[in-house]
Amino acid sequence: MTTHAPDPSRKGELQAEKERLELVEDLLSDILTAAFTVKDGKSHLHCEAENDKIRHWATVHESVRRDRDAAADAYYDLRYGPKFVAKVRTDRDRRRSR
């Protein structure tokens, strides 16, 4: 049986990656919101740039969210242990299935 022994020297690195991906996800959400707001203001005419932003969001947001979740899980595993990560994953899955 192996014991849970994450490398504590990686705590800062894992936290920084988690925070970086949270910021990327926030920026993508802001870009999407702004694109829709501008489209509404233009009555949906001549919105090529906004449509490009919406397509970009649709292309990348799932992979960014998966990477963010993985980074958060790794950080939480190191900081709080595997039982905490299991609870976070369960809660996350429950929220997303609504």
Protein backbone atom coordinates (compact mmCIF):
# COMPACT_ATOMS: atom_id res chain seq x y z
CA MET A 1 0.00 0.00 0.00
CA THR A 2 1.40 3.39 -0.93
CA THR A 3 0.98 6.43 1.23
CA HIS A 4 -0.11 9.81 0.05
CA ALA A 5 3.06 11.91 0.03
CA PRO A 6 2.89 14.89 -2.33
CA ASP A 7 6.00 17.00 -2.76
CA PRO A 8 5.53 20.10 -0.53
CA SER A 9 8.19 22.02 -2.46
CA ARG A 10 5.71 22.27 -5.37
CA LYS A 11 3.06 24.14 -3.35
CA GLY A 12 3.95 27.59 -4.73
CA GLU A 13 4.20 26.29 -8.29
CA LEU A 14 0.84 24.51 -8.08
CA GLN A 15 -0.86 27.51 -6.52
CA ALA A 16 0.54 29.82 -9.21
CA GLU A 17 -0.68 27.51 -11.99
CA LYS A 18 -4.13 27.26 -10.42
CA GLU A 19 -4.36 31.05 -10.15
CA ARG A 20 -3.04 31.57 -13.70
CA LEU A 21 -5.69 29.28 -15.17
CA GLU A 22 -8.42 30.88 -13.05
CA LEU A 23 -7.39 34.23 -14.53
CA VAL A 24 -7.38 32.84 -18.08
CA GLU A 25 -10.87 31.43 -17.53
CA ASP A 26 -12.08 34.78 -16.14
CA LEU A 27 -10.61 36.64 -19.12
CA LEU A 28 -12.27 34.26 -21.58
CA SER A 29 -15.61 34.82 -19.83
CA ASP A 30 -15.10 38.59 -19.97
CA ILE A 31 -14.31 38.41 -23.70
CA LEU A 32 -17.45 36.35 -24.32
CA THR A 33 -19.65 38.73 -22.32
CA ALA A 34 -18.20 41.76 -24.10
CA ALA A 35 -18.70 40.17 -27.52
CA PHE A 36 -22.37 39.54 -26.83
CA THR A 37 -22.82 43.03 -25.39
CA VAL A 38 -21.27 44.63 -28.48
CA LYS A 39 -23.36 42.42 -30.79
CA ASP A 40 -26.51 43.54 -29.00
CA GLY A 41 -25.44 47.17 -29.33
CA LYS A 42 -24.91 46.72 -33.07
CA SER A 43 -28.27 44.96 -33.48
CA HIS A 44 -26.24 41.93 -34.62
CA LEU A 45 -25.06 43.69 -37.81
CA HIS A 46 -21.39 43.76 -38.91
CA CYS A 47 -20.26 41.62 -35.99
CA GLU A 48 -17.46 39.57 -37.57
CA ALA A 49 -14.94 40.42 -34.84
CA GLU A 50 -17.43 39.60 -32.09
CA ASN A 51 -18.37 36.32 -33.79
CA ASP A 52 -14.65 35.44 -33.97
CA LYS A 53 -14.35 36.02 -30.22
CA ILE A 54 -17.40 33.88 -29.52
CA ARG A 55 -16.01 31.09 -31.72
CA HIS A 56 -12.64 31.33 -29.96
CA TRP A 57 -14.33 31.01 -26.57
CA ALA A 58 -16.31 27.99 -27.80
CA THR A 59 -13.09 26.38 -29.06
CA VAL A 60 -10.97 26.79 -25.92
CA HIS A 61 -13.14 27.21 -22.83
CA GLU A 62 -13.61 23.49 -22.10
CA SER A 63 -9.89 22.72 -22.28
CA VAL A 64 -9.08 25.74 -20.09
CA ARG A 65 -11.67 24.61 -17.55
CA ARG A 66 -10.28 21.05 -17.54
CA ASP A 67 -6.73 22.38 -17.10
CA ARG A 68 -7.88 24.74 -14.33
CA ASP A 69 -9.67 21.89 -12.55
CA ALA A 70 -6.60 19.66 -12.80
CA ALA A 71 -4.34 22.42 -11.47
CA ALA A 72 -6.73 23.15 -8.59
CA ASP A 73 -7.00 19.44 -7.78
CA ALA A 74 -3.22 19.08 -7.68
CA TYR A 75 -2.89 22.11 -5.40
CA TYR A 76 -5.73 20.99 -3.11
CA ASP A 77 -4.30 17.47 -2.99
CA LEU A 78 -0.99 18.83 -1.75
CA ARG A 79 -2.57 21.26 0.68
CA TYR A 80 -5.54 19.29 2.03
CA GLY A 81 -5.17 15.69 0.87
CA PRO A 82 -6.99 13.27 -1.42
CA LYS A 83 -10.25 13.11 0.58
CA PHE A 84 -10.71 16.85 0.18
CA VAL A 85 -10.04 16.62 -3.57
CA ALA A 86 -12.62 13.84 -3.89
CA LYS A 87 -15.21 16.07 -2.20
CA VAL A 88 -14.30 19.04 -4.43
CA ARG A 89 -14.67 16.87 -7.54
CA THR A 90 -18.03 15.52 -6.38
CA ASP A 91 -19.31 19.03 -5.66
CA ARG A 92 -17.97 20.29 -9.00
CA ASP A 93 -19.63 17.47 -10.92
CA ARG A 94 -22.91 18.04 -9.08
CA ARG A 95 -22.90 21.77 -9.92
CA ARG A 96 -22.15 21.14 -13.58
CA SER A 97 -24.84 18.51 -13.99
CA ARG A 98 -27.63 20.92 -13.01
